[in-house]
Protein backbone atom coordinates (compact mmCIF):
# COMPACT_ATOMS: atom_id res chain seq x y z
CA MET A 1 4.78 15.84 2.84
CA GLN A 2 5.67 12.57 2.95
CA LEU A 3 3.96 10.12 1.04
CA ALA A 4 2.39 6.89 1.96
CA TYR A 5 4.40 5.08 -0.88
CA ASP A 6 7.22 5.82 -3.09
CA GLY A 7 6.82 3.05 -5.83
CA ILE A 8 4.42 0.20 -7.19
CA THR A 9 5.46 -2.97 -9.01
CA GLU A 10 2.84 -4.66 -10.99
CA ILE A 11 3.94 -8.02 -12.55
CA TRP A 12 1.61 -9.67 -14.88
CA TRP A 13 0.88 -13.41 -15.93
CA LYS A 14 -1.82 -14.68 -18.75
CA SER A 15 -3.97 -16.53 -16.03
CA ARG A 16 -4.10 -17.53 -12.32
CA ALA A 17 -2.92 -21.52 -13.90
CA ASP A 18 0.16 -19.35 -15.08
CA LEU A 19 1.21 -17.66 -11.67
CA GLU A 20 0.51 -21.01 -10.01
CA ASN A 21 2.67 -23.03 -12.26
CA ALA A 22 5.33 -20.53 -12.45
CA LEU A 23 5.63 -20.23 -8.53
CA SER A 24 5.37 -23.91 -8.04
CA SER A 25 8.21 -24.96 -10.42
CA GLU A 26 11.79 -25.03 -9.24
CA THR A 27 12.82 -22.54 -11.90
CA GLY A 28 9.70 -20.14 -10.67
CA ARG A 29 10.88 -20.67 -6.85
CA VAL A 30 14.63 -20.02 -7.69
CA ALA A 31 13.69 -16.97 -9.63
CA SER A 32 11.10 -15.67 -6.70
CA ALA A 33 13.69 -16.23 -4.33
CA ARG A 34 16.39 -14.22 -6.30
CA LEU A 35 13.96 -11.39 -6.79
CA GLU A 36 12.85 -10.95 -3.02
CA GLN A 37 16.87 -10.97 -2.20
CA ASP A 38 16.69 -8.09 -4.74
CA GLU A 39 13.98 -6.34 -3.37
CA ALA A 40 15.24 -6.56 0.14
CA ARG A 41 17.71 -4.20 -0.73
CA PHE A 42 15.33 -1.12 -1.15
CA ILE A 43 11.75 -2.40 -0.18
CA ASP A 44 10.71 -2.18 3.79
CA PHE A 45 8.94 -5.40 3.67
CA ALA A 46 7.48 -4.82 7.11
CA ARG A 47 5.86 -1.72 5.57
CA SER A 48 4.94 -3.31 2.26
CA ARG A 49 1.56 -4.78 1.05
CA ILE A 50 1.11 -7.10 -1.60
CA PHE A 51 -2.12 -7.71 -3.60
CA ILE A 52 -3.19 -10.32 -6.16
CA THR A 53 -6.02 -9.33 -7.99
CA GLU A 54 -7.97 -10.58 -11.40
CA GLU A 55 -8.63 -8.18 -14.10
CA HIS A 56 -11.98 -7.90 -15.01
CA GLU A 57 -13.02 -6.19 -18.53
CA ILE A 58 -16.13 -4.34 -17.80
CA PHE A 59 -16.61 -2.26 -21.05
């Protein structure tokens, strides 16, 4: 049986504003590019999905 996926990665920020600030800064853009270069060694991007979610405490 072959699984539909073989790994999951989570990256957390304290707020959406922190995420947006991180991705819009020069340091964030450089870090994001370096991360993508590393991921390209072991991730099939064409068959991968990205989800951006927001956590809500229910109980």
